[in-house]
Amino acid sequence: NTTISIAIFEIYGGRIQDLLHQRKRLKVLEDGKGEVVISGLKEFEASTPEEFLALVEAGQNNRTTHATEMNDESSRSHSICQVLFRDSETKKLKAK
């Protein structure tokens, strides 16, 4: 009776981008309750562990990387992975 969704975004050079939705630029806002909201972030439902891991891998592959003196392919960003648990019938958020 629970669905699992995932959303992954990165913070790089003052920009926030959706790593699972064509690197779309996002905005960070504060809602009326004082909670931080990432506006425009797309969630993807994962029905199986394999789908979940494939989404995590896709997000990782879309991260911004550049060569450095110490590493040929260093990640230059911070990525955040949100896992959301919703009631299957009502779609109400149970946990995040």
N, C-alpha and C. Protein backbone atom coordinates (compact mmCIF):
# COMPACT_ATOMS: atom_id res chain seq x y z
N ASN A 1 0.80 -1.20 0.00
CA ASN A 1 0.00 0.00 0.00
C ASN A 1 0.85 1.27 0.00
N THR A 2 2.15 1.11 -0.31
CA THR A 2 3.06 2.25 -0.36
C THR A 2 3.81 2.27 -1.68
N THR A 3 3.92 3.46 -2.28
CA THR A 3 4.75 3.62 -3.47
C THR A 3 6.02 4.36 -3.09
N ILE A 4 7.08 4.05 -3.81
CA ILE A 4 8.37 4.69 -3.57
C ILE A 4 8.75 5.47 -4.80
N SER A 5 9.10 6.74 -4.59
CA SER A 5 9.55 7.61 -5.68
C SER A 5 10.91 8.16 -5.32
N ILE A 6 11.63 8.60 -6.35
CA ILE A 6 12.95 9.16 -6.14
C ILE A 6 13.09 10.43 -6.97
N ALA A 7 13.83 11.38 -6.44
CA ALA A 7 14.18 12.61 -7.15
C ALA A 7 15.64 12.91 -6.79
N ILE A 8 16.42 13.33 -7.78
CA ILE A 8 17.84 13.62 -7.54
C ILE A 8 18.19 14.95 -8.18
N PHE A 9 18.82 15.81 -7.41
CA PHE A 9 19.26 17.09 -7.96
C PHE A 9 20.68 17.39 -7.51
N GLU A 10 21.33 18.32 -8.21
CA GLU A 10 22.68 18.70 -7.83
C GLU A 10 22.75 20.20 -7.62
N ILE A 11 23.68 20.57 -6.76
CA ILE A 11 24.00 21.98 -6.54
C ILE A 11 25.42 22.16 -7.07
N TYR A 12 25.56 23.05 -8.04
CA TYR A 12 26.87 23.27 -8.66
C TYR A 12 26.97 24.72 -9.10
N GLY A 13 27.98 25.39 -8.61
CA GLY A 13 28.23 26.77 -9.03
C GLY A 13 27.03 27.69 -8.83
N GLY A 14 26.29 27.52 -7.75
CA GLY A 14 25.14 28.37 -7.48
C GLY A 14 23.89 27.98 -8.25
N ARG A 15 23.97 26.91 -9.03
CA ARG A 15 22.81 26.44 -9.79
C ARG A 15 22.30 25.14 -9.19
N ILE A 16 21.00 24.93 -9.34
CA ILE A 16 20.38 23.69 -8.90
C ILE A 16 19.74 23.06 -10.13
N GLN A 17 20.08 21.78 -10.39
CA GLN A 17 19.61 21.11 -11.61
C GLN A 17 19.04 19.73 -11.28
N ASP A 18 17.97 19.38 -11.96
CA ASP A 18 17.32 18.07 -11.81
C ASP A 18 18.12 17.05 -12.60
N LEU A 19 18.73 16.09 -11.93
CA LEU A 19 19.58 15.11 -12.60
C LEU A 19 18.81 14.00 -13.29
N LEU A 20 17.52 13.90 -13.05
CA LEU A 20 16.71 12.87 -13.71
C LEU A 20 15.75 13.45 -14.74
N HIS A 21 15.81 14.77 -14.94
CA HIS A 21 14.89 15.42 -15.86
C HIS A 21 15.63 16.44 -16.73
N GLN A 22 16.53 15.93 -17.55
CA GLN A 22 17.26 16.72 -18.55
C GLN A 22 18.00 17.92 -17.96
N ARG A 23 18.49 17.77 -16.74
CA ARG A 23 19.26 18.82 -16.06
C ARG A 23 18.51 20.16 -16.00
N LYS A 24 17.19 20.07 -15.92
CA LYS A 24 16.36 21.27 -15.83
C LYS A 24 16.75 22.09 -14.61
N ARG A 25 16.85 23.41 -14.79
CA ARG A 25 17.19 24.30 -13.67
C ARG A 25 16.01 24.39 -12.72
N LEU A 26 16.32 24.40 -11.44
CA LEU A 26 15.32 24.41 -10.39
C LEU A 26 15.50 25.64 -9.52
N LYS A 27 14.47 25.92 -8.72
CA LYS A 27 14.53 27.04 -7.77
C LYS A 27 14.30 26.51 -6.37
N VAL A 28 15.02 27.08 -5.42
CA VAL A 28 14.82 26.76 -4.01
C VAL A 28 13.94 27.84 -3.42
N LEU A 29 12.84 27.42 -2.83
CA LEU A 29 11.88 28.35 -2.23
C LEU A 29 11.58 27.92 -0.80
N GLU A 30 10.97 28.81 -0.07
CA GLU A 30 10.51 28.50 1.28
C GLU A 30 8.99 28.59 1.28
N ASP A 31 8.32 27.54 1.78
CA ASP A 31 6.86 27.57 1.79
C ASP A 31 6.35 28.33 3.02
N GLY A 32 5.04 28.41 3.16
CA GLY A 32 4.41 29.14 4.24
C GLY A 32 4.71 28.60 5.62
N LYS A 33 5.16 27.32 5.68
CA LYS A 33 5.50 26.70 6.96
C LYS A 33 6.98 26.86 7.29
N GLY A 34 7.71 27.54 6.41
CA GLY A 34 9.14 27.73 6.63
C GLY A 34 10.00 26.57 6.17
N GLU A 35 9.39 25.63 5.43
CA GLU A 35 10.13 24.48 4.92
C GLU A 35 10.68 24.76 3.53
N VAL A 36 11.84 24.21 3.25
CA VAL A 36 12.49 24.40 1.94
C VAL A 36 11.82 23.50 0.92
N VAL A 37 11.52 24.08 -0.26
CA VAL A 37 10.88 23.35 -1.35
C VAL A 37 11.74 23.56 -2.60
N ILE A 38 12.01 22.47 -3.33
CA ILE A 38 12.73 22.56 -4.59
C ILE A 38 11.67 22.61 -5.70
N SER A 39 11.42 23.79 -6.22
CA SER A 39 10.37 24.00 -7.21
C SER A 39 10.77 23.43 -8.57
N GLY A 40 9.90 22.59 -9.13
CA GLY A 40 10.13 22.01 -10.45
C GLY A 40 10.81 20.65 -10.43
N LEU A 41 11.19 20.16 -9.26
CA LEU A 41 11.87 18.87 -9.15
C LEU A 41 10.89 17.74 -9.49
N LYS A 42 11.28 16.88 -10.42
CA LYS A 42 10.41 15.80 -10.88
C LYS A 42 10.72 14.52 -10.11
N GLU A 43 9.66 13.85 -9.66
CA GLU A 43 9.78 12.57 -8.96
C GLU A 43 9.52 11.43 -9.93
N PHE A 44 10.26 10.33 -9.76
CA PHE A 44 10.08 9.15 -10.59
C PHE A 44 9.77 7.96 -9.69
N GLU A 45 8.68 7.27 -9.98
CA GLU A 45 8.28 6.12 -9.19
C GLU A 45 9.13 4.91 -9.56
N ALA A 46 9.54 4.16 -8.55
CA ALA A 46 10.31 2.94 -8.74
C ALA A 46 9.51 1.78 -8.17
N SER A 47 9.10 0.86 -9.04
CA SER A 47 8.26 -0.26 -8.62
C SER A 47 9.07 -1.46 -8.12
N THR A 48 10.34 -1.51 -8.52
CA THR A 48 11.20 -2.63 -8.13
C THR A 48 12.55 -2.09 -7.64
N PRO A 49 13.28 -2.91 -6.89
CA PRO A 49 14.63 -2.48 -6.48
C PRO A 49 15.52 -2.17 -7.69
N GLU A 50 15.35 -2.92 -8.77
CA GLU A 50 16.15 -2.70 -9.97
C GLU A 50 15.85 -1.34 -10.59
N GLU A 51 14.58 -0.95 -10.64
CA GLU A 51 14.20 0.37 -11.16
C GLU A 51 14.78 1.48 -10.27
N PHE A 52 14.72 1.28 -8.97
CA PHE A 52 15.25 2.27 -8.04
C PHE A 52 16.75 2.46 -8.27
N LEU A 53 17.50 1.37 -8.35
CA LEU A 53 18.94 1.45 -8.55
C LEU A 53 19.29 2.05 -9.91
N ALA A 54 18.49 1.75 -10.94
CA ALA A 54 18.71 2.33 -12.27
C ALA A 54 18.54 3.85 -12.23
N LEU A 55 17.56 4.34 -11.47
CA LEU A 55 17.36 5.79 -11.34
C LEU A 55 18.51 6.44 -10.58
N VAL A 56 18.99 5.79 -9.53
CA VAL A 56 20.14 6.31 -8.79
C VAL A 56 21.35 6.38 -9.70
N GLU A 57 21.58 5.34 -10.48
CA GLU A 57 22.71 5.32 -11.41
C GLU A 57 22.58 6.40 -12.48
N ALA A 58 21.37 6.60 -13.00
CA ALA A 58 21.15 7.64 -14.00
C ALA A 58 21.46 9.01 -13.42
N GLY A 59 21.04 9.27 -12.21
CA GLY A 59 21.34 10.53 -11.56
C GLY A 59 22.83 10.72 -11.36
N GLN A 60 23.50 9.67 -10.93
CA GLN A 60 24.95 9.73 -10.72
C GLN A 60 25.67 10.02 -12.04
N ASN A 61 25.23 9.40 -13.12
CA ASN A 61 25.85 9.59 -14.43
C ASN A 61 25.65 11.00 -14.97
N ASN A 62 24.63 11.70 -14.51
CA ASN A 62 24.34 13.06 -15.00
C ASN A 62 25.00 14.16 -14.17
N ARG A 63 25.76 13.79 -13.16
CA ARG A 63 26.42 14.80 -12.32
C ARG A 63 27.49 15.55 -13.10
N THR A 64 27.75 16.78 -12.68
CA THR A 64 28.79 17.60 -13.28
C THR A 64 30.15 17.10 -12.81
N THR A 65 31.04 16.81 -13.76
CA THR A 65 32.39 16.37 -13.44
C THR A 65 33.40 17.14 -14.28
N HIS A 66 34.59 17.31 -13.74
CA HIS A 66 35.71 17.94 -14.44
C HIS A 66 36.99 17.30 -13.93
N ALA A 67 38.00 17.31 -14.77
CA ALA A 67 39.31 16.81 -14.35
C ALA A 67 39.95 17.78 -13.35
N THR A 68 40.66 17.22 -12.39
CA THR A 68 41.45 18.01 -11.45
C THR A 68 42.87 17.45 -11.46
N GLU A 69 43.76 18.06 -10.71
CA GLU A 69 45.13 17.55 -10.64
C GLU A 69 45.19 16.16 -10.03
N MET A 70 44.27 15.87 -9.14
CA MET A 70 44.29 14.59 -8.41
C MET A 70 43.39 13.52 -9.02
N ASN A 71 42.45 13.91 -9.88
CA ASN A 71 41.45 12.96 -10.34
C ASN A 71 40.98 13.36 -11.73
N ASP A 72 40.99 12.41 -12.66
CA ASP A 72 40.59 12.69 -14.04
C ASP A 72 39.10 13.01 -14.19
N GLU A 73 38.31 12.49 -13.29
CA GLU A 73 36.86 12.68 -13.41
C GLU A 73 36.26 12.96 -12.04
N SER A 74 36.59 14.09 -11.49
CA SER A 74 36.14 14.48 -10.16
C SER A 74 34.76 15.11 -10.22
N SER A 75 33.91 14.72 -9.28
CA SER A 75 32.60 15.36 -9.19
C SER A 75 32.80 16.75 -8.62
N ARG A 76 32.23 17.72 -9.25
CA ARG A 76 32.38 19.12 -8.82
C ARG A 76 31.08 19.65 -8.23
N SER A 77 30.18 18.77 -7.89
CA SER A 77 28.88 19.20 -7.38
C SER A 77 28.51 18.42 -6.13
N HIS A 78 27.45 18.88 -5.49
CA HIS A 78 26.84 18.14 -4.39
C HIS A 78 25.52 17.61 -4.92
N SER A 79 25.28 16.32 -4.77
CA SER A 79 24.00 15.77 -5.23
C SER A 79 23.17 15.37 -4.02
N ILE A 80 21.87 15.55 -4.16
CA ILE A 80 20.92 15.21 -3.11
C ILE A 80 19.90 14.24 -3.71
N CYS A 81 19.72 13.14 -3.03
CA CYS A 81 18.76 12.12 -3.47
C CYS A 81 17.61 12.10 -2.46
N GLN A 82 16.41 12.37 -2.95
CA GLN A 82 15.22 12.32 -2.09
C GLN A 82 14.46 11.04 -2.39
N VAL A 83 14.13 10.31 -1.35
CA VAL A 83 13.30 9.11 -1.47
C VAL A 83 11.99 9.42 -0.78
N LEU A 84 10.89 9.26 -1.52
CA LEU A 84 9.58 9.62 -1.00
C LEU A 84 8.69 8.38 -0.92
N PHE A 85 8.01 8.23 0.20
CA PHE A 85 7.09 7.12 0.43
C PHE A 85 5.68 7.69 0.49
N ARG A 86 4.81 7.22 -0.41
CA ARG A 86 3.44 7.73 -0.49
C ARG A 86 2.44 6.59 -0.36
N ASP A 87 1.27 6.91 0.17
CA ASP A 87 0.16 5.96 0.21
C ASP A 87 -0.26 5.68 -1.22
N SER A 88 -0.38 4.42 -1.58
CA SER A 88 -0.71 4.04 -2.97
C SER A 88 -2.06 4.56 -3.43
N GLU A 89 -3.01 4.64 -2.55
CA GLU A 89 -4.36 5.05 -2.93
C GLU A 89 -4.53 6.57 -2.90
N THR A 90 -4.12 7.19 -1.80
CA THR A 90 -4.36 8.63 -1.64
C THR A 90 -3.22 9.49 -2.18
N LYS A 91 -2.06 8.88 -2.40
CA LYS A 91 -0.83 9.58 -2.85
C LYS A 91 -0.29 10.54 -1.80
N LYS A 92 -0.84 10.46 -0.57
CA LYS A 92 -0.38 11.32 0.52
C LYS A 92 1.01 10.88 0.95
N LEU A 93 1.88 11.87 1.19
CA LEU A 93 3.25 11.61 1.60
C LEU A 93 3.27 11.02 3.00
N LYS A 94 3.92 9.85 3.13
CA LYS A 94 4.07 9.21 4.44
C LYS A 94 5.41 9.56 5.08
N ALA A 95 6.46 9.59 4.26
CA ALA A 95 7.80 9.88 4.76
C ALA A 95 8.66 10.35 3.60
N LYS A 96 9.73 11.08 3.97
CA LYS A 96 10.64 11.62 2.96
C LYS A 96 12.05 11.52 3.48
